[in-house]
Amino acid sequence: MNAARRRLAGFTGAGYSKGRPAAVQAAWLLVSGILVTRWWCPGSLRVAVLRAFGATIGTGTSIRHNVRIHWPWKLTVGNDTWIGDGAWLLNLEPITIGSDVCISQGVLLCTGSHDRRSPTFEFDNAPITVGDGAWIAARATVLRGVRVGADAVVGATALVTRDVPAGAVVLAPAAVERSGRPS
């Protein structure tokens, strides 16, 4: 038997706070689209603008072009961390990334979801934490509420829905580890 059909018109977004007034949100979206994501924007300027909008970013961190950050005021990044081209940090809730972390190209860190049991499909969001020394390889996806432990490796294209213990290696289902390197 099917559950009652969703009625999206009743969606309220209850419990979700964007964390800044609408004018700040609009300013961020404008500056992000015009400057921060562009290939010609120097990395040091990109980091400075993110900090100006409330991100906490350590020293020596490199955030490449075409990185999408939903709300910078909900982002904390440690020292000497790399965030690769095309990564998307969809941080409706806080994302905390440690030091010496590599977030590779095309990675999606998604703190947002919806409650499938809610008749109005309300949010079911939760923060993401990535521990020091972790590597999240190309095109991997980490979903809301996940903690990736220190020195863990999430292999290319893996989908992570549960916590990853410190030092663990998570590979996509069809991946095979060779020579001690994730594929």
Protein backbone atom coordinates (compact mmCIF):
# COMPACT_ATOMS: atom_id res chain seq x y z
CA MET A 1 0.00 0.00 0.00
CA ASN A 2 1.34 3.46 -0.91
CA ALA A 3 1.78 6.20 1.65
CA ALA A 4 -0.19 9.41 1.27
CA ARG A 5 1.00 11.51 -1.61
CA ARG A 6 3.27 14.48 -0.83
CA ARG A 7 1.78 17.94 -1.02
CA LEU A 8 4.75 20.17 -1.74
CA ALA A 9 2.64 23.34 -1.66
CA GLY A 10 2.49 22.90 2.13
CA PHE A 11 6.30 22.95 2.51
CA THR A 12 7.35 25.43 5.23
CA GLY A 13 11.10 24.87 5.68
CA ALA A 14 10.49 24.70 9.43
CA GLY A 15 13.64 24.41 11.50
CA TYR A 16 16.02 25.65 8.79
CA SER A 17 17.87 28.92 9.26
CA LYS A 18 19.91 30.42 6.43
CA GLY A 19 21.93 32.20 9.11
CA ARG A 20 22.07 35.68 7.57
CA PRO A 21 19.56 38.30 6.37
CA ALA A 22 18.28 38.18 2.80
CA ALA A 23 20.48 41.12 1.76
CA VAL A 24 23.65 39.27 2.86
CA GLN A 25 22.48 36.10 1.11
CA ALA A 26 21.87 38.04 -2.11
CA ALA A 27 25.24 39.78 -1.84
CA TRP A 28 26.98 36.43 -1.40
CA LEU A 29 25.23 34.88 -4.40
CA LEU A 30 26.20 37.87 -6.54
CA VAL A 31 29.85 37.97 -5.42
CA SER A 32 30.17 34.20 -5.65
CA GLY A 33 28.83 34.09 -9.21
CA ILE A 34 30.78 37.09 -10.47
CA LEU A 35 34.09 36.58 -8.67
CA VAL A 36 34.68 33.62 -6.36
CA THR A 37 33.93 30.77 -8.78
CA ARG A 38 35.85 32.28 -11.73
CA TRP A 39 39.14 30.81 -12.98
CA TRP A 40 40.81 34.21 -13.09
CA CYS A 41 40.12 35.02 -9.42
CA PRO A 42 43.38 34.54 -7.45
CA GLY A 43 43.13 31.93 -4.72
CA SER A 44 44.19 34.41 -2.04
CA LEU A 45 41.35 36.76 -3.04
CA ARG A 46 38.89 33.87 -3.11
CA VAL A 47 39.82 32.95 0.48
CA ALA A 48 39.69 36.61 1.59
CA VAL A 49 36.19 37.05 0.15
CA LEU A 50 34.98 33.84 1.79
CA ARG A 51 36.37 35.06 5.13
CA ALA A 52 34.67 38.45 4.61
CA PHE A 53 31.37 36.58 4.29
CA GLY A 54 31.96 34.67 7.53
CA ALA A 55 33.89 31.52 6.56
CA THR A 56 36.61 30.39 8.95
CA ILE A 57 39.58 29.29 6.82
CA GLY A 58 43.04 28.42 8.09
CA THR A 59 46.38 29.33 6.59
CA GLY A 60 47.79 27.63 3.51
CA THR A 61 44.39 26.46 2.31
CA SER A 62 43.76 26.34 -1.45
CA ILE A 63 40.23 26.67 -2.78
CA ARG A 64 40.28 26.26 -6.56
CA HIS A 65 38.00 27.90 -9.10
CA ASN A 66 34.50 26.68 -9.79
CA VAL A 67 34.04 25.61 -6.15
CA ARG A 68 30.45 26.26 -5.09
CA ILE A 69 29.88 27.12 -1.44
CA HIS A 70 26.25 27.63 -0.55
CA TRP A 71 26.66 29.70 2.65
CA PRO A 72 30.24 30.70 3.60
CA TRP A 73 29.20 31.59 7.15
CA LYS A 74 28.48 27.88 7.68
CA LEU A 75 31.97 26.76 6.56
CA THR A 76 35.06 26.03 8.66
CA VAL A 77 38.28 24.80 7.00
CA GLY A 78 41.58 24.05 8.74
CA ASN A 79 45.14 24.73 7.63
CA ASP A 80 46.82 23.45 4.45
CA THR A 81 43.65 21.96 2.98
CA TRP A 82 42.90 21.65 -0.74
CA ILE A 83 39.43 21.96 -2.25
CA GLY A 84 39.51 20.98 -5.92
CA ASP A 85 37.91 22.36 -9.06
CA GLY A 86 34.18 21.86 -9.28
CA ALA A 87 33.61 20.77 -5.68
CA TRP A 88 30.18 21.66 -4.32
CA LEU A 89 29.81 22.34 -0.60
CA LEU A 90 26.03 22.45 -0.22
CA ASN A 91 26.10 23.58 3.38
CA LEU A 92 22.58 24.31 4.52
CA GLU A 93 24.06 23.22 7.85
CA PRO A 94 27.70 23.61 8.94
CA ILE A 95 30.50 21.84 7.11
CA THR A 96 33.71 21.50 9.11
CA ILE A 97 36.82 20.37 7.23
CA GLY A 98 40.04 19.72 9.16
CA SER A 99 43.65 20.45 8.31
CA ASP A 100 45.67 18.66 5.60
CA VAL A 101 42.47 17.47 3.93
CA CYS A 102 42.11 16.93 0.19
CA ILE A 103 38.63 17.44 -1.23
CA SER A 104 39.18 16.43 -4.86
CA GLN A 105 37.55 17.61 -8.08
CA GLY A 106 33.79 17.31 -8.39
CA VAL A 107 33.17 16.20 -4.79
CA LEU A 108 29.71 16.91 -3.34
CA LEU A 109 29.36 17.51 0.40
CA CYS A 110 25.58 17.81 0.91
CA THR A 111 24.18 18.70 4.34
CA GLY A 112 20.61 18.99 3.07
CA SER A 113 17.88 16.46 2.56
CA HIS A 114 14.14 16.05 3.00
CA ASP A 115 12.10 13.83 5.30
CA ARG A 116 10.52 11.29 2.97
CA ARG A 117 7.83 10.59 5.59
CA SER A 118 6.79 14.24 5.86
CA PRO A 119 3.58 14.96 3.94
CA THR A 120 5.05 18.35 3.00
CA PHE A 121 8.63 17.07 2.39
CA GLU A 122 10.18 19.17 5.18
CA PHE A 123 13.96 19.45 5.56
CA ASP A 124 16.02 16.73 7.21
CA ASN A 125 19.42 18.47 7.31
CA ALA A 126 22.53 17.72 9.37
CA PRO A 127 26.15 18.92 9.44
CA ILE A 128 29.16 17.19 7.87
CA THR A 129 32.60 16.90 9.48
CA VAL A 130 35.78 15.81 7.69
CA GLY A 131 38.69 14.98 9.99
CA ASP A 132 42.33 16.03 9.67
CA GLY A 133 44.32 14.27 6.94
CA ALA A 134 41.28 12.79 5.18
CA TRP A 135 41.05 12.50 1.40
CA ILE A 136 37.73 12.58 -0.43
CA ALA A 137 38.56 11.58 -4.00
CA ALA A 138 37.08 12.82 -7.28
CA ARG A 139 33.30 12.90 -7.69
CA ALA A 140 32.61 11.28 -4.32
CA THR A 141 29.42 12.28 -2.48
CA VAL A 142 29.14 12.67 1.29
CA LEU A 143 25.61 13.11 2.60
CA ARG A 144 24.17 14.92 5.58
CA GLY A 145 25.09 13.95 9.12
CA VAL A 146 28.28 12.08 8.13
CA ARG A 147 31.57 12.32 9.99
CA VAL A 148 34.63 11.29 7.96
CA GLY A 149 37.36 10.38 10.45
CA ALA A 150 40.95 11.57 10.49
CA ASP A 151 43.18 10.07 7.79
CA ALA A 152 40.24 8.26 6.15
CA VAL A 153 40.02 7.87 2.37
CA VAL A 154 36.77 8.07 0.43
CA GLY A 155 37.50 6.73 -3.05
CA ALA A 156 36.44 8.26 -6.35
CA THR A 157 32.67 8.22 -6.99
CA ALA A 158 31.88 6.64 -3.61
CA LEU A 159 28.57 7.49 -1.97
CA VAL A 160 28.91 7.95 1.80
CA THR A 161 25.75 7.79 3.90
CA ARG A 162 27.27 6.68 7.22
CA ASP A 163 30.20 7.75 9.37
CA VAL A 164 33.65 6.69 8.16
CA PRO A 165 36.02 5.67 10.97
CA ALA A 166 39.45 7.23 11.29
CA GLY A 167 41.93 5.60 8.90
CA ALA A 168 39.23 3.66 7.01
CA VAL A 169 39.07 3.35 3.22
CA VAL A 170 35.67 3.52 1.52
CA LEU A 171 35.51 2.65 -2.17
CA ALA A 172 32.68 2.81 -4.68
CA PRO A 173 31.00 -0.61 -4.98
CA ALA A 174 32.63 -1.50 -8.31
CA ALA A 175 36.05 -0.17 -7.33
CA VAL A 176 39.00 -2.43 -6.66
CA GLU A 177 41.92 -1.34 -4.58
CA ARG A 178 45.27 -2.01 -6.27
CA SER A 179 48.78 -1.32 -5.08
CA GLY A 180 47.43 0.15 -1.86
CA ARG A 181 45.82 3.02 -3.82
CA PRO A 182 42.08 3.70 -4.01
CA SER A 183 40.68 3.72 -7.50
